[in-house]
Amino acid sequence: MSRCTAISRAPEGNVDLSAYRNVDAWLCRVKALPRFVPFAQTKIGLAA
């Protein structure tokens, strides 16, 4: 769980995760957990 934050914010550092479908699926499962509190999204890096 501790890696969730860093990995989910990777696109802000211009790290493309699109080739890692399993990572994206894992992040979706984490975000679907009860009491999950998401971070505010920013428009920088690949997220822009």
PDB file of N, CA and C in Angstrom:
ATOM      1  N   MET A   1       0.811  -1.198   0.000  1.00  0.00           N
ATOM      2  CA  MET A   1       0.000   0.000   0.000  1.00  0.00           C
ATOM      3  C   MET A   1       0.850   1.256   0.000  1.00  0.00           C
ATOM      4  N   SER A   2       1.995   1.203   0.615  1.00  0.00           N
ATOM      5  CA  SER A   2       2.816   2.408   0.703  1.00  0.00           C
ATOM      6  C   SER A   2       3.289   2.868  -0.673  1.00  0.00           C
ATOM      7  N   ARG A   3       3.364   1.974  -1.634  1.00  0.00           N
ATOM      8  CA  ARG A   3       3.825   2.345  -2.972  1.00  0.00           C
ATOM      9  C   ARG A   3       2.702   2.960  -3.803  1.00  0.00           C
ATOM     10  N   CYS A   4       1.490   2.821  -3.366  1.00  0.00           N
ATOM     11  CA  CYS A   4       0.351   3.317  -4.135  1.00  0.00           C
ATOM     12  C   CYS A   4       0.483   4.799  -4.454  1.00  0.00           C
ATOM     13  N   THR A   5       0.860   5.582  -3.480  1.00  0.00           N
ATOM     14  CA  THR A   5       0.985   7.024  -3.687  1.00  0.00           C
ATOM     15  C   THR A   5       2.030   7.350  -4.737  1.00  0.00           C
ATOM     16  N   ALA A   6       3.206   6.809  -4.589  1.00  0.00           N
ATOM     17  CA  ALA A   6       4.289   7.113  -5.532  1.00  0.00           C
ATOM     18  C   ALA A   6       3.952   6.639  -6.944  1.00  0.00           C
ATOM     19  N   ILE A   7       3.414   5.444  -7.050  1.00  0.00           N
ATOM     20  CA  ILE A   7       3.105   4.903  -8.375  1.00  0.00           C
ATOM     21  C   ILE A   7       1.960   5.663  -9.025  1.00  0.00           C
ATOM     22  N   SER A   8       0.935   5.985  -8.266  1.00  0.00           N
ATOM     23  CA  SER A   8      -0.204   6.690  -8.857  1.00  0.00           C
ATOM     24  C   SER A   8       0.162   8.107  -9.291  1.00  0.00           C
ATOM     25  N   ARG A   9       1.205   8.683  -8.706  1.00  0.00           N
ATOM     26  CA  ARG A   9       1.634  10.034  -9.072  1.00  0.00           C
ATOM     27  C   ARG A   9       2.734  10.036 -10.135  1.00  0.00           C
ATOM     28  N   ALA A  10       3.154   8.880 -10.604  1.00  0.00           N
ATOM     29  CA  ALA A  10       4.242   8.776 -11.582  1.00  0.00           C
ATOM     30  C   ALA A  10       4.021   9.630 -12.832  1.00  0.00           C
ATOM     31  N   PRO A  11       2.813   9.699 -13.385  1.00  0.00           N
ATOM     32  CA  PRO A  11       2.624  10.541 -14.579  1.00  0.00           C
ATOM     33  C   PRO A  11       2.960  12.022 -14.348  1.00  0.00           C
ATOM     34  N   GLU A  12       2.866  12.480 -13.119  1.00  0.00           N
ATOM     35  CA  GLU A  12       3.245  13.863 -12.835  1.00  0.00           C
ATOM     36  C   GLU A  12       4.743  14.068 -13.009  1.00  0.00           C
ATOM     37  N   GLY A  13       5.505  12.997 -12.905  1.00  0.00           N
ATOM     38  CA  GLY A  13       6.954  13.051 -13.112  1.00  0.00           C
ATOM     39  C   GLY A  13       7.345  12.587 -14.507  1.00  0.00           C
ATOM     40  N   ASN A  14       6.383  12.605 -15.416  1.00  0.00           N
ATOM     41  CA  ASN A  14       6.576  12.200 -16.818  1.00  0.00           C
ATOM     42  C   ASN A  14       6.956  10.731 -16.957  1.00  0.00           C
ATOM     43  N   VAL A  15       6.448   9.891 -16.068  1.00  0.00           N
ATOM     44  CA  VAL A  15       6.649   8.448 -16.173  1.00  0.00           C
ATOM     45  C   VAL A  15       5.366   7.842 -16.721  1.00  0.00           C
ATOM     46  N   ASP A  16       5.451   7.244 -17.899  1.00  0.00           N
ATOM     47  CA  ASP A  16       4.302   6.663 -18.578  1.00  0.00           C
ATOM     48  C   ASP A  16       4.065   5.250 -18.060  1.00  0.00           C
ATOM     49  N   LEU A  17       2.913   5.013 -17.478  1.00  0.00           N
ATOM     50  CA  LEU A  17       2.573   3.703 -16.940  1.00  0.00           C
ATOM     51  C   LEU A  17       1.681   2.896 -17.875  1.00  0.00           C
ATOM     52  N   SER A  18       1.396   3.406 -19.052  1.00  0.00           N
ATOM     53  CA  SER A  18       0.448   2.745 -19.957  1.00  0.00           C
ATOM     54  C   SER A  18       0.897   1.349 -20.378  1.00  0.00           C
ATOM     55  N   ALA A  19       2.168   1.071 -20.368  1.00  0.00           N
ATOM     56  CA  ALA A  19       2.662  -0.264 -20.747  1.00  0.00           C
ATOM     57  C   ALA A  19       2.494  -1.274 -19.613  1.00  0.00           C
ATOM     58  N   TYR A  20       2.099  -0.807 -18.449  1.00  0.00           N
ATOM     59  CA  TYR A  20       1.989  -1.662 -17.264  1.00  0.00           C
ATOM     60  C   TYR A  20       0.524  -1.827 -16.880  1.00  0.00           C
ATOM     61  N   ARG A  21      -0.191  -2.632 -17.651  1.00  0.00           N
ATOM     62  CA  ARG A  21      -1.631  -2.818 -17.429  1.00  0.00           C
ATOM     63  C   ARG A  21      -1.922  -3.392 -16.049  1.00  0.00           C
ATOM     64  N   ASN A  22      -1.056  -4.275 -15.567  1.00  0.00           N
ATOM     65  CA  ASN A  22      -1.283  -4.865 -14.246  1.00  0.00           C
ATOM     66  C   ASN A  22      -1.160  -3.828 -13.140  1.00  0.00           C
ATOM     67  N   VAL A  23      -0.267  -2.882 -13.322  1.00  0.00           N
ATOM     68  CA  VAL A  23      -0.115  -1.806 -12.340  1.00  0.00           C
ATOM     69  C   VAL A  23      -1.374  -0.951 -12.324  1.00  0.00           C
ATOM     70  N   ASP A  24      -1.891  -0.638 -13.495  1.00  0.00           N
ATOM     71  CA  ASP A  24      -3.123   0.158 -13.580  1.00  0.00           C
ATOM     72  C   ASP A  24      -4.291  -0.591 -12.935  1.00  0.00           C
ATOM     73  N   ALA A  25      -4.385  -1.887 -13.186  1.00  0.00           N
ATOM     74  CA  ALA A  25      -5.456  -2.682 -12.577  1.00  0.00           C
ATOM     75  C   ALA A  25      -5.319  -2.692 -11.059  1.00  0.00           C
ATOM     76  N   TRP A  26      -4.099  -2.810 -10.573  1.00  0.00           N
ATOM     77  CA  TRP A  26      -3.859  -2.804  -9.124  1.00  0.00           C
ATOM     78  C   TRP A  26      -4.264  -1.457  -8.523  1.00  0.00           C
ATOM     79  N   LEU A  27      -3.879  -0.363  -9.189  1.00  0.00           N
ATOM     80  CA  LEU A  27      -4.258   0.961  -8.685  1.00  0.00           C
ATOM     81  C   LEU A  27      -5.776   1.113  -8.634  1.00  0.00           C
ATOM     82  N   CYS A  28      -6.470   0.589  -9.625  1.00  0.00           N
ATOM     83  CA  CYS A  28      -7.937   0.656  -9.625  1.00  0.00           C
ATOM     84  C   CYS A  28      -8.518  -0.127  -8.448  1.00  0.00           C
ATOM     85  N   ARG A  29      -7.935  -1.272  -8.157  1.00  0.00           N
ATOM     86  CA  ARG A  29      -8.412  -2.054  -7.007  1.00  0.00           C
ATOM     87  C   ARG A  29      -8.157  -1.330  -5.696  1.00  0.00           C
ATOM     88  N   VAL A  30      -7.010  -0.709  -5.575  1.00  0.00           N
ATOM     89  CA  VAL A  30      -6.699   0.051  -4.358  1.00  0.00           C
ATOM     90  C   VAL A  30      -7.686   1.202  -4.202  1.00  0.00           C
ATOM     91  N   LYS A  31      -7.950   1.913  -5.284  1.00  0.00           N
ATOM     92  CA  LYS A  31      -8.868   3.058  -5.226  1.00  0.00           C
ATOM     93  C   LYS A  31     -10.294   2.635  -4.900  1.00  0.00           C
ATOM     94  N   ALA A  32     -10.625   1.383  -5.164  1.00  0.00           N
ATOM     95  CA  ALA A  32     -11.971   0.876  -4.887  1.00  0.00           C
ATOM     96  C   ALA A  32     -12.135   0.384  -3.448  1.00  0.00           C
ATOM     97  N   LEU A  33     -11.063   0.376  -2.677  1.00  0.00           N
ATOM     98  CA  LEU A  33     -11.147  -0.079  -1.293  1.00  0.00           C
ATOM     99  C   LEU A  33     -12.006   0.865  -0.446  1.00  0.00           C
ATOM    100  N   PRO A  34     -12.718   0.304   0.526  1.00  0.00           N
ATOM    101  CA  PRO A  34     -13.500   1.152   1.426  1.00  0.00           C
ATOM    102  C   PRO A  34     -12.570   2.130   2.161  1.00  0.00           C
ATOM    103  N   ARG A  35     -13.048   3.310   2.350  1.00  0.00           N
ATOM    104  CA  ARG A  35     -12.335   4.375   3.074  1.00  0.00           C
ATOM    105  C   ARG A  35     -11.087   4.883   2.353  1.00  0.00           C
ATOM    106  N   PHE A  36     -10.934   4.537   1.074  1.00  0.00           N
ATOM    107  CA  PHE A  36      -9.812   5.088   0.303  1.00  0.00           C
ATOM    108  C   PHE A  36     -10.031   6.585   0.135  1.00  0.00           C
ATOM    109  N   VAL A  37      -9.008   7.368   0.405  1.00  0.00           N
ATOM    110  CA  VAL A  37      -9.088   8.827   0.264  1.00  0.00           C
ATOM    111  C   VAL A  37      -8.104   9.234  -0.835  1.00  0.00           C
ATOM    112  N   PRO A  38      -8.615   9.680  -1.985  1.00  0.00           N
ATOM    113  CA  PRO A  38      -7.720  10.032  -3.095  1.00  0.00           C
ATOM    114  C   PRO A  38      -7.023  11.367  -2.865  1.00  0.00           C
ATOM    115  N   PHE A  39      -5.858  11.495  -3.469  1.00  0.00           N
ATOM    116  CA  PHE A  39      -5.143  12.761  -3.463  1.00  0.00           C
ATOM    117  C   PHE A  39      -5.740  13.673  -4.522  1.00  0.00           C
ATOM    118  N   ALA A  40      -5.599  14.963  -4.338  1.00  0.00           N
ATOM    119  CA  ALA A  40      -6.054  15.912  -5.352  1.00  0.00           C
ATOM    120  C   ALA A  40      -5.215  15.721  -6.619  1.00  0.00           C
ATOM    121  N   GLN A  41      -5.864  15.717  -7.761  1.00  0.00           N
ATOM    122  CA  GLN A  41      -5.171  15.561  -9.034  1.00  0.00           C
ATOM    123  C   GLN A  41      -4.624  16.905  -9.500  1.00  0.00           C
ATOM    124  N   THR A  42      -3.452  16.875 -10.116  1.00  0.00           N
ATOM    125  CA  THR A  42      -2.848  18.086 -10.653  1.00  0.00           C
ATOM    126  C   THR A  42      -2.639  17.928 -12.142  1.00  0.00           C
ATOM    127  N   LYS A  43      -2.491  19.018 -12.827  1.00  0.00           N
ATOM    128  CA  LYS A  43      -2.303  19.019 -14.277  1.00  0.00           C
ATOM    129  C   LYS A  43      -0.862  19.345 -14.619  1.00  0.00           C
ATOM    130  N   ILE A  44       0.047  18.447 -14.233  1.00  0.00           N
ATOM    131  CA  ILE A  44       1.460  18.630 -14.593  1.00  0.00           C
ATOM    132  C   ILE A  44       1.985  17.319 -15.162  1.00  0.00           C
ATOM    133  N   GLY A  45       3.133  17.373 -15.786  1.00  0.00           N
ATOM    134  CA  GLY A  45       3.723  16.165 -16.357  1.00  0.00           C
ATOM    135  C   GLY A  45       2.835  15.564 -17.422  1.00  0.00           C
ATOM    136  N   LEU A  46       2.747  14.240 -17.464  1.00  0.00           N
ATOM    137  CA  LEU A  46       1.910  13.563 -18.450  1.00  0.00           C
ATOM    138  C   LEU A  46       0.435  13.753 -18.165  1.00  0.00           C
ATOM    139  N   ALA A  47       0.083  14.184 -16.977  1.00  0.00           N
ATOM    140  CA  ALA A  47      -1.313  14.413 -16.623  1.00  0.00           C
ATOM    141  C   ALA A  47      -1.836  15.731 -17.192  1.00  0.00           C
ATOM    142  N   ALA A  48      -0.960  16.557 -17.742  1.00  0.00           N
ATOM    143  CA  ALA A  48      -1.365  17.871 -18.260  1.00  0.00           C
ATOM    144  C   ALA A  48      -2.126  17.760 -19.559  1.00  0.00           C
TER     145      ALA A  48
END
